[in-house]
Amino acid sequence: MKLKVPKTFRSTDTQIVRAFTKTELTRVLRLAELAGRLKERQRTYQVEKRTSLNGMIKNILDLESQLSACPCAESALRRRYGKQVEDLTAKDYWVFFRSPPETWRWLCGREGWFVFDYEKLKTKAFIVTIRN
């Protein structure tokens, strides 16, 4: 069975259709794979904890912010920040994170990269790139 992958997406905020470059499409597919794997894991949780990963999954699927943070391949992130992550592999996922606007107003905002272990689906590291 072949999977049809859209080469464009419609932004939920701006209603603009955007085309992907080959590199961006590869990154989008990896992010979608991670979100799907986290959803599968979440289904195994107890009923009261089944929404615990929703915030992270929503952040992963915010393709506009993910692609604006890094329109390049994850290999560029590995080269730049890889020395800060213990046991980093080429399969690990990189997810951009920016704390909510109110945390920046309260002077405790953070921005950076979560590194998820490919096998265990657990966070290996959070690399802070901006802090106020």
Protein backbone atom coordinates (compact mmCIF):
# COMPACT_ATOMS: atom_id res chain seq x y z
CA MET A 1 0.00 0.00 0.00
CA LYS A 2 1.46 3.35 -1.02
CA LEU A 3 1.13 6.33 1.26
CA LYS A 4 0.13 9.55 -0.47
CA VAL A 5 2.07 12.45 0.98
CA PRO A 6 0.85 15.97 0.30
CA LYS A 7 3.58 18.24 -1.02
CA THR A 8 1.73 21.31 0.24
CA PHE A 9 -0.08 22.20 3.42
CA ARG A 10 -2.66 24.78 4.33
CA SER A 11 -1.77 26.90 7.33
CA THR A 12 -4.51 26.92 9.97
CA ASP A 13 -3.66 30.48 11.00
CA THR A 14 -3.21 32.23 7.68
CA GLN A 15 -5.02 29.87 5.29
CA ILE A 16 -2.06 30.05 2.92
CA VAL A 17 -1.07 27.04 0.87
CA ARG A 18 2.66 26.42 1.03
CA ALA A 19 4.81 24.11 -1.08
CA PHE A 20 7.66 22.12 0.48
CA THR A 21 11.18 21.80 -0.78
CA LYS A 22 12.56 18.26 -0.74
CA THR A 23 14.50 18.96 2.48
CA GLU A 24 11.46 20.48 4.18
CA LEU A 25 9.28 17.55 3.12
CA THR A 26 11.77 15.12 4.65
CA ARG A 27 11.68 17.09 7.91
CA VAL A 28 7.87 17.23 7.87
CA LEU A 29 7.65 13.47 7.38
CA ARG A 30 9.98 12.87 10.32
CA LEU A 31 7.92 15.21 12.52
CA ALA A 32 4.70 13.46 11.47
CA GLU A 33 6.29 10.08 12.22
CA LEU A 34 7.26 11.26 15.72
CA ALA A 35 3.78 12.68 16.40
CA GLY A 36 2.20 9.40 15.29
CA ARG A 37 4.51 7.33 17.47
CA LEU A 38 3.80 9.56 20.49
CA LYS A 39 0.04 9.25 19.86
CA GLU A 40 0.38 5.44 19.80
CA ARG A 41 2.30 5.52 23.07
CA GLN A 42 -0.27 7.86 24.63
CA ARG A 43 -3.05 5.35 23.87
CA THR A 44 -1.35 2.86 26.22
CA TYR A 45 -1.50 5.30 29.18
CA GLN A 46 -4.12 5.13 31.89
CA VAL A 47 -7.30 7.05 31.05
CA GLU A 48 -6.53 10.04 33.29
CA LYS A 49 -3.04 10.47 31.76
CA ARG A 50 -3.98 10.06 28.08
CA THR A 51 -3.79 13.79 27.36
CA SER A 52 -0.32 14.28 28.89
CA LEU A 53 1.47 14.41 25.52
CA ASN A 54 -1.11 16.56 23.69
CA GLY A 55 0.85 19.79 24.15
CA MET A 56 4.04 18.29 22.75
CA ILE A 57 2.21 16.64 19.84
CA LYS A 58 0.53 19.96 18.99
CA ASN A 59 3.93 21.68 19.08
CA ILE A 60 5.45 19.01 16.80
CA LEU A 61 2.63 19.38 14.28
CA ASP A 62 2.94 23.18 14.18
CA LEU A 63 4.82 22.88 10.90
CA GLU A 64 5.15 26.61 10.35
CA SER A 65 7.16 27.15 13.53
CA GLN A 66 9.14 23.93 13.06
CA LEU A 67 10.15 24.82 9.50
CA SER A 68 10.87 28.48 10.27
CA ALA A 69 13.17 27.38 13.12
CA CYS A 70 15.00 24.91 10.89
CA PRO A 71 14.14 24.63 7.20
CA CYS A 72 17.31 22.56 6.81
CA ALA A 73 17.88 18.87 7.41
CA GLU A 74 18.34 17.56 10.95
CA SER A 75 21.95 16.76 10.08
CA ALA A 76 22.72 20.49 10.32
CA LEU A 77 21.32 20.51 13.86
CA ARG A 78 23.39 17.43 14.76
CA ARG A 79 26.55 19.18 13.52
CA ARG A 80 25.77 22.38 15.43
CA TYR A 81 24.50 21.02 18.76
CA GLY A 82 25.39 17.32 18.69
CA LYS A 83 28.29 17.57 21.13
CA GLN A 84 25.84 18.67 23.83
CA VAL A 85 23.77 15.46 23.56
CA GLU A 86 24.95 12.20 25.05
CA ASP A 87 24.52 9.07 22.88
CA LEU A 88 23.14 11.02 19.91
CA THR A 89 22.23 8.94 16.85
CA ALA A 90 21.32 9.93 13.31
CA LYS A 91 17.77 8.62 13.82
CA ASP A 92 16.97 10.83 16.83
CA TYR A 93 14.24 13.44 16.37
CA TRP A 94 14.80 17.20 16.75
CA VAL A 95 11.79 19.32 17.77
CA PHE A 96 11.83 23.09 18.14
CA PHE A 97 10.21 24.49 21.29
CA ARG A 98 9.37 28.04 22.32
CA SER A 99 7.71 28.67 25.66
CA PRO A 100 4.37 30.55 25.71
CA PRO A 101 4.31 34.38 25.40
CA GLU A 102 3.44 34.94 29.06
CA THR A 103 6.69 33.25 30.16
CA TRP A 104 8.63 35.81 28.14
CA ARG A 105 6.70 38.63 29.84
CA TRP A 106 7.54 37.08 33.23
CA LEU A 107 11.21 36.90 32.15
CA CYS A 108 11.39 33.12 32.28
CA GLY A 109 10.97 32.30 28.58
CA ARG A 110 13.01 29.64 26.80
CA GLU A 111 13.56 28.57 23.25
CA GLY A 112 15.50 25.61 21.98
CA TRP A 113 15.53 22.06 20.70
CA PHE A 114 14.18 18.87 22.24
CA VAL A 115 16.05 15.77 21.17
CA PHE A 116 13.90 12.63 21.30
CA ASP A 117 15.46 9.18 21.41
CA TYR A 118 14.34 7.25 18.32
CA GLU A 119 14.05 3.88 20.09
CA LYS A 120 12.65 4.85 23.50
CA LEU A 121 10.66 7.97 22.48
CA LYS A 122 11.99 9.80 25.52
CA THR A 123 13.64 13.19 25.68
CA LYS A 124 17.42 12.89 25.53
CA ALA A 125 18.13 16.59 25.91
CA PHE A 126 16.77 20.09 25.74
CA ILE A 127 19.24 22.49 24.18
CA VAL A 128 18.41 26.06 25.18
CA THR A 129 19.28 28.52 22.43
CA ILE A 130 17.57 31.62 23.87
CA ARG A 131 16.66 32.42 27.47
CA ASN A 132 15.48 35.65 29.02
